[in-house]
Amino acid sequence: LVPVMAIPVSLIGGVFLMQAFGFTLNLLTLLAIVLSVGLVVDDAIVVVENVERHLREGRSPREAALLGARELAGPVIAMTITLAAVYTPIGLQGGLTGALFRDRDIHVVTQYAPEFREDLDDLRLASVLTPSGSVVDLGTVAAIEKREGPAFISKEDKRRTVTVLVQTSDEPLNKLVFQRILPALGTVRVPEGIEMKMGGEVTRMNDQFVGMSIGFAIAFVLVFFVLAGQFESVVQPLVMLGAIPVMMIGVFLALLLTGNTLNTTSGNGIFALMGVVVNASVILIDYINQLRREGVALDEAIVTAGTRRLRPIMLTVSTTFFAMLPIAFSQAEGADVYKPLAIAFMGGLVTSTVLTLVLIPVLYRIFVRSGPTTAEES
């Protein structure tokens, strides 16, 4: 019940910011609330578990609460700032990065009544005012004949364009484009002066992928600087960020097994997962550093930290995993749009948790040699 007490506080803050920025409750904001509640409960679980450990060691409730909270104040603050750094690029990312500009030519269209348009001879006798002010028959200045033509003329950059609209099938858009449409277009002989290009959802998807790639790079750099400032080290943040490539294994494996693809929705799931994965590394490495400051040997500190932080890490991961479970298996209308996000998140969370508990201590043992050491290590 103690970790659950943090939920109302997070909801109040979230609703206040939504109101301030003009957002409403919808499927996307509810998804964000689910994720934020899971993250807040994660932090509370870590603190409560640390307090319980001190209680089991014989300390009084007051002493255990103060000591347990003091030990994790730094990591919790670091995790919160890290999450803010990860999600900032998503908040700043807009829609399409390009804009479509059309020319402003003016087309004047005149049309006779239907009864005067049935006979070509009648059209040839139609009166037309010339620039000199005289009136002549239309047939003297124009050739009148029946032809098939477009109902309207569309121009882009002062060039005539023809838009071909295609209704997509149930196949993923990137698979449909790269495996079927583009190979088919490659076999079409295009006359000189004519070019073909993709638009619509394809343009939007490409722009979103570029924006997400840039956002991911920005988030990575921001997280690195936040952790470097918090731990006063350059090597330790790189060790923590080593969990990110591991999580991608689970992301791609989960998408492959469920028949989904990497798209903008699953890409947002990777963004969300990035903060959670780094948090587990922060919890582990911070406790290793704490034990080393207390004079514990390097290898013993790594083993002890892994043993004592295993339970809170597994609890936090389980909480976040089960929070995403209803979204991944939802059958509600419109839920298919957000399923790739939840599936990518859950797949990456499982593999990163299992492998991080082994990989991060190993990387720490190999690369992190600075800091307080015991006489035995020296």
Protein backbone atom coordinates (compact mmCIF):
# COMPACT_ATOMS: atom_id res chain seq x y z
CA LEU A 1 0.00 0.00 0.00
CA VAL A 2 2.88 2.39 0.67
CA PRO A 3 4.08 2.58 -2.98
CA VAL A 4 0.46 3.04 -4.12
CA MET A 5 0.26 6.23 -2.07
CA ALA A 6 2.53 7.89 -4.65
CA ILE A 7 -0.05 7.46 -7.44
CA PRO A 8 -2.46 10.30 -6.45
CA VAL A 9 0.44 12.76 -6.21
CA SER A 10 1.65 11.87 -9.70
CA LEU A 11 -1.88 12.11 -11.12
CA ILE A 12 -2.37 15.58 -9.67
CA GLY A 13 0.86 16.80 -11.24
CA GLY A 14 0.11 15.15 -14.56
CA VAL A 15 -3.44 16.54 -14.84
CA PHE A 16 -2.22 20.02 -13.85
CA LEU A 17 0.39 20.06 -16.64
CA MET A 18 -2.14 18.67 -19.15
CA GLN A 19 -4.50 21.50 -18.25
CA ALA A 20 -1.69 24.07 -18.49
CA PHE A 21 -0.67 22.93 -21.99
CA GLY A 22 -4.22 22.45 -23.26
CA PHE A 23 -4.23 18.64 -23.55
CA THR A 24 -7.28 16.49 -22.97
CA LEU A 25 -7.84 12.93 -21.80
CA ASN A 26 -7.60 10.61 -24.78
CA LEU A 27 -6.07 7.26 -25.64
CA LEU A 28 -2.58 8.72 -26.02
CA THR A 29 -2.58 10.78 -22.80
CA LEU A 30 -4.06 7.83 -20.90
CA LEU A 31 -1.20 5.72 -22.19
CA ALA A 32 1.25 8.31 -20.89
CA ILE A 33 -0.52 8.31 -17.51
CA VAL A 34 -0.23 4.51 -17.30
CA LEU A 35 3.49 4.74 -18.01
CA SER A 36 4.07 7.57 -15.53
CA VAL A 37 2.15 5.77 -12.79
CA GLY A 38 4.28 2.69 -13.35
CA LEU A 39 7.49 4.75 -13.12
CA VAL A 40 6.38 6.53 -9.94
CA VAL A 41 5.46 3.23 -8.32
CA ASP A 42 8.86 1.86 -9.40
CA ASP A 43 10.69 4.56 -7.46
CA ALA A 44 8.47 4.02 -4.42
CA ILE A 45 9.10 0.25 -4.52
CA VAL A 46 12.87 0.77 -4.55
CA VAL A 47 12.73 3.09 -1.52
CA VAL A 48 10.32 0.87 0.44
CA GLU A 49 12.40 -2.25 -0.24
CA ASN A 50 15.53 -0.45 0.96
CA VAL A 51 13.76 0.61 4.17
CA GLU A 52 12.58 -2.97 4.76
CA ARG A 53 16.14 -4.23 4.34
CA HIS A 54 17.31 -1.93 7.12
CA LEU A 55 14.41 -3.11 9.29
CA ARG A 56 15.49 -6.73 8.78
CA GLU A 57 18.99 -5.74 9.88
CA GLY A 58 17.61 -4.67 13.27
CA ARG A 59 17.24 -0.90 12.92
CA SER A 60 14.25 0.98 14.34
CA PRO A 61 11.47 2.02 11.92
CA ARG A 62 12.44 5.70 12.15
CA GLU A 63 16.13 5.01 11.62
CA ALA A 64 15.40 2.57 8.78
CA ALA A 65 13.12 5.10 7.05
CA LEU A 66 15.63 7.95 7.29
CA LEU A 67 18.61 5.83 6.26
CA GLY A 68 16.75 4.04 3.45
CA ALA A 69 15.46 7.29 1.97
CA ARG A 70 18.83 9.04 2.34
CA GLU A 71 20.66 6.25 0.53
CA LEU A 72 18.35 6.42 -2.48
CA ALA A 73 17.77 10.19 -2.66
CA GLY A 74 20.57 10.59 -5.21
CA PRO A 75 19.59 7.71 -7.48
CA VAL A 76 15.87 8.64 -7.44
CA ILE A 77 16.66 12.23 -8.38
CA ALA A 78 19.04 11.01 -11.10
CA MET A 79 16.37 8.64 -12.46
CA THR A 80 13.75 11.42 -12.51
CA ILE A 81 16.04 13.83 -14.37
CA THR A 82 17.04 11.02 -16.72
CA LEU A 83 13.42 10.30 -17.59
CA ALA A 84 12.79 14.00 -18.20
CA ALA A 85 15.82 14.10 -20.51
CA VAL A 86 14.61 11.03 -22.42
CA TYR A 87 11.06 12.27 -22.96
CA THR A 88 11.91 15.91 -23.74
CA PRO A 89 12.64 15.20 -27.45
CA ILE A 90 9.23 13.50 -27.77
CA GLY A 91 7.51 16.57 -26.38
CA LEU A 92 9.38 18.83 -28.79
CA GLN A 93 8.91 16.62 -31.84
CA GLY A 94 6.36 17.98 -34.27
CA GLY A 95 4.57 16.48 -37.21
CA LEU A 96 5.77 16.66 -40.78
CA THR A 97 9.08 18.47 -41.08
CA GLY A 98 8.38 19.75 -44.57
CA ALA A 99 5.69 22.06 -45.87
CA LEU A 100 3.92 21.92 -49.23
CA PHE A 101 3.87 25.17 -51.21
CA ARG A 102 1.69 25.52 -54.29
CA ASP A 103 1.79 28.23 -56.95
CA ARG A 104 -0.84 30.93 -56.96
CA ASP A 105 -1.81 30.92 -60.69
CA ILE A 106 -5.30 32.16 -61.35
CA HIS A 107 -7.44 30.08 -63.72
CA VAL A 108 -10.57 31.72 -65.13
CA VAL A 109 -13.18 29.21 -66.25
CA THR A 110 -16.34 30.14 -68.16
CA GLN A 111 -19.06 27.66 -68.95
CA TYR A 112 -22.07 27.85 -71.22
CA ALA A 113 -25.42 26.42 -70.30
CA PRO A 114 -25.79 22.70 -71.20
CA GLU A 115 -28.10 23.37 -74.17
CA PHE A 116 -25.42 25.54 -75.83
CA ARG A 117 -22.63 23.01 -75.26
CA GLU A 118 -24.14 20.04 -77.08
CA ASP A 119 -23.36 21.24 -80.63
CA LEU A 120 -19.81 22.18 -81.62
CA ASP A 121 -21.10 24.60 -84.24
CA ASP A 122 -22.93 26.53 -81.55
CA LEU A 123 -19.71 26.78 -79.58
CA ARG A 124 -17.81 28.04 -82.62
CA LEU A 125 -20.36 30.84 -83.01
CA ALA A 126 -20.01 31.95 -79.41
CA SER A 127 -19.05 35.62 -79.09
CA VAL A 128 -15.64 36.47 -77.62
CA LEU A 129 -14.37 39.94 -76.70
CA THR A 130 -10.83 40.58 -77.98
CA PRO A 131 -8.22 42.81 -76.27
CA SER A 132 -8.88 45.48 -78.93
CA GLY A 133 -12.52 45.67 -77.93
CA SER A 134 -14.03 43.99 -80.97
CA VAL A 135 -16.31 40.94 -80.80
CA VAL A 136 -15.47 37.84 -82.85
CA ASP A 137 -16.69 34.27 -83.05
CA LEU A 138 -14.86 31.76 -80.83
CA GLY A 139 -14.20 29.57 -83.88
CA THR A 140 -11.98 32.27 -85.41
CA VAL A 141 -9.52 32.29 -82.48
CA ALA A 142 -9.71 28.70 -81.20
CA ALA A 143 -10.01 25.18 -82.58
CA ILE A 144 -13.09 23.56 -81.08
CA GLU A 145 -13.03 19.74 -80.82
CA LYS A 146 -14.08 17.02 -78.39
CA ARG A 147 -11.34 15.44 -76.27
CA GLU A 148 -10.98 13.61 -72.99
CA GLY A 149 -9.09 15.58 -70.34
CA PRO A 150 -8.73 16.07 -66.59
CA ALA A 151 -11.65 17.47 -64.67
CA PHE A 152 -9.27 19.95 -63.04
CA ILE A 153 -5.59 20.87 -63.27
CA SER A 154 -3.38 20.56 -60.20
CA LYS A 155 0.02 22.24 -60.03
CA GLU A 156 2.97 21.98 -57.65
CA ASP A 157 5.96 24.29 -58.03
CA LYS A 158 4.35 25.55 -61.27
CA ARG A 159 4.37 22.03 -62.72
CA ARG A 160 1.29 19.99 -63.57
CA THR A 161 0.82 17.06 -61.22
CA VAL A 162 -1.44 14.04 -61.18
CA THR A 163 -2.16 12.38 -57.83
CA VAL A 164 -2.78 8.63 -57.78
CA LEU A 165 -4.57 7.58 -54.60
CA VAL A 166 -4.09 4.00 -53.41
CA GLN A 167 -5.96 2.34 -50.56
CA THR A 168 -3.47 0.24 -48.61
CA SER A 169 -4.11 -3.34 -47.58
CA ASP A 170 -3.66 -4.83 -44.13
CA GLU A 171 0.09 -5.10 -44.74
CA PRO A 172 2.41 -2.80 -42.77
CA LEU A 173 3.06 0.40 -44.71
CA ASN A 174 6.86 0.05 -44.88
CA LYS A 175 6.56 -3.54 -46.12
CA LEU A 176 3.94 -2.54 -48.70
CA VAL A 177 6.06 0.33 -50.01
CA PHE A 178 9.51 -1.26 -50.09
CA GLN A 179 8.53 -4.79 -51.14
CA ARG A 180 5.66 -4.16 -53.54
CA ILE A 181 5.13 -0.57 -54.68
CA LEU A 182 8.71 0.60 -55.24
CA PRO A 183 9.75 -2.58 -57.15
CA ALA A 184 6.64 -2.19 -59.32
CA LEU A 185 7.40 1.46 -60.03
CA GLY A 186 10.90 0.46 -61.06
CA THR A 187 9.47 -1.49 -64.01
CA VAL A 188 7.44 1.49 -65.34
CA ARG A 189 8.91 3.36 -68.29
CA VAL A 190 8.40 7.04 -67.59
CA PRO A 191 8.35 9.45 -70.57
CA GLU A 192 10.91 12.24 -70.65
CA GLY A 193 9.91 15.23 -68.56
CA ILE A 194 7.77 13.19 -66.16
CA GLU A 195 8.84 12.00 -62.71
CA MET A 196 7.15 9.92 -60.02
CA LYS A 197 7.49 10.33 -56.27
CA MET A 198 5.84 8.94 -53.17
CA GLY A 199 3.69 11.11 -50.94
CA GLY A 200 0.99 10.96 -48.29
CA GLU A 201 1.61 8.47 -45.50
CA VAL A 202 5.00 7.52 -46.93
CA THR A 203 6.24 11.11 -46.63
CA ARG A 204 4.82 11.38 -43.14
CA MET A 205 6.47 8.11 -42.10
CA ASN A 206 9.86 9.13 -43.48
CA ASP A 207 9.69 12.52 -41.76
CA GLN A 208 8.71 10.88 -38.48
CA PHE A 209 11.59 8.39 -38.69
CA VAL A 210 14.08 11.21 -39.29
CA GLY A 211 12.62 13.17 -36.38
CA MET A 212 12.71 10.14 -34.10
CA SER A 213 16.33 9.36 -35.02
CA ILE A 214 17.36 12.91 -34.19
CA GLY A 215 15.32 12.81 -30.99
CA PHE A 216 16.89 9.52 -29.94
CA ALA A 217 20.39 10.96 -30.44
CA ILE A 218 19.47 14.08 -28.45
CA ALA A 219 17.98 11.98 -25.66
CA PHE A 220 21.10 9.80 -25.53
CA VAL A 221 23.36 12.87 -25.19
CA LEU A 222 21.11 14.50 -22.57
CA VAL A 223 20.99 11.32 -20.49
CA PHE A 224 24.77 10.98 -20.69
CA PHE A 225 25.36 14.52 -19.41
CA VAL A 226 22.76 14.12 -16.64
CA LEU A 227 24.39 10.91 -15.41
CA ALA A 228 27.89 12.31 -15.83
CA GLY A 229 26.96 15.22 -13.59
CA GLN A 230 25.24 13.03 -11.04
CA PHE A 231 28.01 10.40 -10.75
CA GLU A 232 30.90 12.79 -11.49
CA SER A 233 32.28 10.31 -13.99
CA VAL A 234 32.44 9.84 -17.74
CA VAL A 235 32.94 6.06 -17.75
CA GLN A 236 30.09 5.11 -15.41
CA PRO A 237 27.35 6.77 -17.55
CA LEU A 238 28.66 4.90 -20.59
CA VAL A 239 28.43 1.65 -18.61
CA MET A 240 24.82 2.45 -17.68
CA LEU A 241 23.93 3.30 -21.27
CA GLY A 242 25.34 -0.08 -22.30
CA ALA A 243 21.90 -1.49 -21.46
CA ILE A 244 20.32 0.32 -24.44
CA PRO A 245 21.78 -1.89 -27.23
CA VAL A 246 20.74 -4.94 -25.19
CA MET A 247 17.15 -3.75 -24.99
CA MET A 248 16.98 -3.48 -28.79
CA ILE A 249 17.39 -7.26 -29.03
CA GLY A 250 14.13 -7.75 -27.17
CA VAL A 251 12.40 -4.96 -29.12
CA PHE A 252 13.11 -6.48 -32.53
CA LEU A 253 12.46 -10.02 -31.31
CA ALA A 254 9.05 -9.08 -29.85
CA LEU A 255 8.03 -7.19 -32.99
CA LEU A 256 9.13 -10.12 -35.18
CA LEU A 257 7.28 -12.76 -33.14
CA THR A 258 4.04 -10.74 -33.08
CA GLY A 259 4.12 -9.82 -36.76
CA ASN A 260 4.67 -6.09 -36.13
CA THR A 261 7.28 -3.81 -37.65
CA LEU A 262 9.41 -0.90 -36.55
CA ASN A 263 7.27 2.19 -37.12
CA THR A 264 6.58 5.51 -35.45
CA THR A 265 4.41 3.92 -32.77
CA SER A 266 6.89 1.21 -31.79
CA GLY A 267 9.63 3.85 -32.00
CA ASN A 268 7.87 5.82 -29.28
CA GLY A 269 7.86 2.61 -27.25
CA ILE A 270 11.65 2.52 -27.57
CA PHE A 271 11.81 6.09 -26.29
CA ALA A 272 9.69 5.17 -23.29
CA LEU A 273 11.74 2.04 -22.62
CA MET A 274 15.05 3.88 -22.76
CA GLY A 275 14.41 5.70 -19.48
CA VAL A 276 13.22 2.60 -17.65
CA VAL A 277 16.23 0.53 -18.72
CA VAL A 278 18.72 3.19 -17.67
CA ASN A 279 16.96 3.47 -14.29
CA ALA A 280 17.76 -0.16 -13.46
CA SER A 281 21.42 0.49 -14.22
CA VAL A 282 21.40 3.60 -12.03
CA ILE A 283 20.00 1.65 -9.06
CA LEU A 284 22.64 -1.05 -9.43
CA ILE A 285 25.71 1.10 -10.01
CA ASP A 286 24.84 3.66 -7.34
CA TYR A 287 24.72 0.92 -4.71
CA ILE A 288 28.04 -0.52 -5.91
CA ASN A 289 29.58 2.94 -5.48
CA GLN A 290 28.02 3.26 -2.04
CA LEU A 291 29.50 -0.04 -0.88
CA ARG A 292 32.93 0.89 -2.24
CA ARG A 293 32.81 4.17 -0.30
CA GLU A 294 32.17 2.09 2.81
CA GLY A 295 35.39 0.17 2.16
CA VAL A 296 33.97 -2.99 0.55
CA ALA A 297 36.25 -4.64 -2.03
CA LEU A 298 35.31 -4.16 -5.68
CA ASP A 299 34.27 -7.74 -6.46
CA GLU A 300 32.40 -8.11 -3.18
CA ALA A 301 30.63 -4.78 -3.76
CA ILE A 302 29.47 -5.91 -7.20
CA VAL A 303 28.15 -9.24 -5.92
CA THR A 304 26.48 -7.67 -2.86
CA ALA A 305 24.84 -4.93 -4.91
CA GLY A 306 23.55 -7.43 -7.45
CA THR A 307 22.08 -9.60 -4.68
CA ARG A 308 20.47 -6.78 -2.71
CA ARG A 309 19.16 -4.82 -5.70
CA LEU A 310 17.81 -7.87 -7.55
CA ARG A 311 14.48 -7.84 -5.72
CA PRO A 312 13.64 -4.12 -6.16
CA ILE A 313 14.71 -4.21 -9.81
CA MET A 314 12.52 -7.23 -10.51
CA LEU A 315 9.59 -5.62 -8.68
CA THR A 316 9.87 -2.38 -10.62
CA VAL A 317 10.21 -4.19 -13.93
CA SER A 318 7.21 -6.40 -13.16
CA THR A 319 5.10 -3.37 -12.29
CA THR A 320 5.89 -1.61 -15.56
CA PHE A 321 5.52 -4.82 -17.58
CA PHE A 322 2.04 -5.60 -16.26
CA ALA A 323 1.01 -1.97 -16.71
CA MET A 324 1.65 -2.37 -20.46
CA LEU A 325 0.03 -5.81 -20.71
CA PRO A 326 -3.60 -4.60 -21.17
CA ILE A 327 -2.52 -2.31 -24.01
CA ALA A 328 -0.66 -5.07 -25.83
CA PHE A 329 -3.70 -7.41 -25.76
CA SER A 330 -6.49 -4.86 -25.97
CA GLN A 331 -9.27 -5.56 -28.47
CA ALA A 332 -10.86 -2.12 -28.19
CA GLU A 333 -11.45 0.03 -31.26
CA GLY A 334 -8.27 1.90 -32.20
CA ALA A 335 -6.09 -0.21 -29.91
CA ASP A 336 -4.17 -1.66 -32.88
CA VAL A 337 -2.49 1.71 -33.34
CA TYR A 338 -0.79 1.51 -29.94
CA LYS A 339 -0.14 -2.23 -29.71
CA PRO A 340 3.31 -1.98 -31.36
CA LEU A 341 4.33 0.53 -28.67
CA ALA A 342 3.40 -1.81 -25.83
CA ILE A 343 4.87 -4.90 -27.55
CA ALA A 344 8.20 -3.17 -28.27
CA PHE A 345 8.28 -1.85 -24.71
CA MET A 346 7.59 -5.24 -23.10
CA GLY A 347 10.01 -7.17 -25.32
CA GLY A 348 12.86 -4.77 -24.70
CA LEU A 349 12.09 -4.65 -20.98
CA VAL A 350 12.38 -8.43 -20.58
CA THR A 351 15.68 -8.87 -22.40
CA SER A 352 17.26 -5.73 -20.98
CA THR A 353 16.39 -6.75 -17.42
CA VAL A 354 17.73 -10.29 -17.74
CA LEU A 355 20.90 -9.30 -19.58
CA THR A 356 21.49 -6.03 -17.70
CA LEU A 357 21.79 -7.83 -14.37
CA VAL A 358 24.76 -9.65 -15.89
CA LEU A 359 26.13 -7.14 -18.41
CA ILE A 360 26.25 -3.99 -16.27
CA PRO A 361 28.25 -5.58 -13.38
CA VAL A 362 30.67 -7.10 -15.91
CA LEU A 363 31.17 -3.76 -17.69
CA TYR A 364 31.62 -2.04 -14.33
CA ARG A 365 34.26 -4.59 -13.32
CA ILE A 366 36.15 -4.11 -16.59
CA PHE A 367 36.03 -0.34 -17.10
CA VAL A 368 35.39 1.34 -13.73
CA ARG A 369 38.57 1.31 -11.67
CA SER A 370 38.48 4.78 -10.13
CA GLY A 371 36.91 5.71 -6.83
CA PRO A 372 37.47 4.60 -3.23
CA THR A 373 39.34 1.32 -2.99
CA THR A 374 40.31 -0.91 -0.14
CA ALA A 375 43.85 -1.83 0.79
CA GLU A 376 43.29 -5.27 -0.74
CA GLU A 377 42.37 -3.74 -4.13
CA SER A 378 45.38 -1.43 -3.99
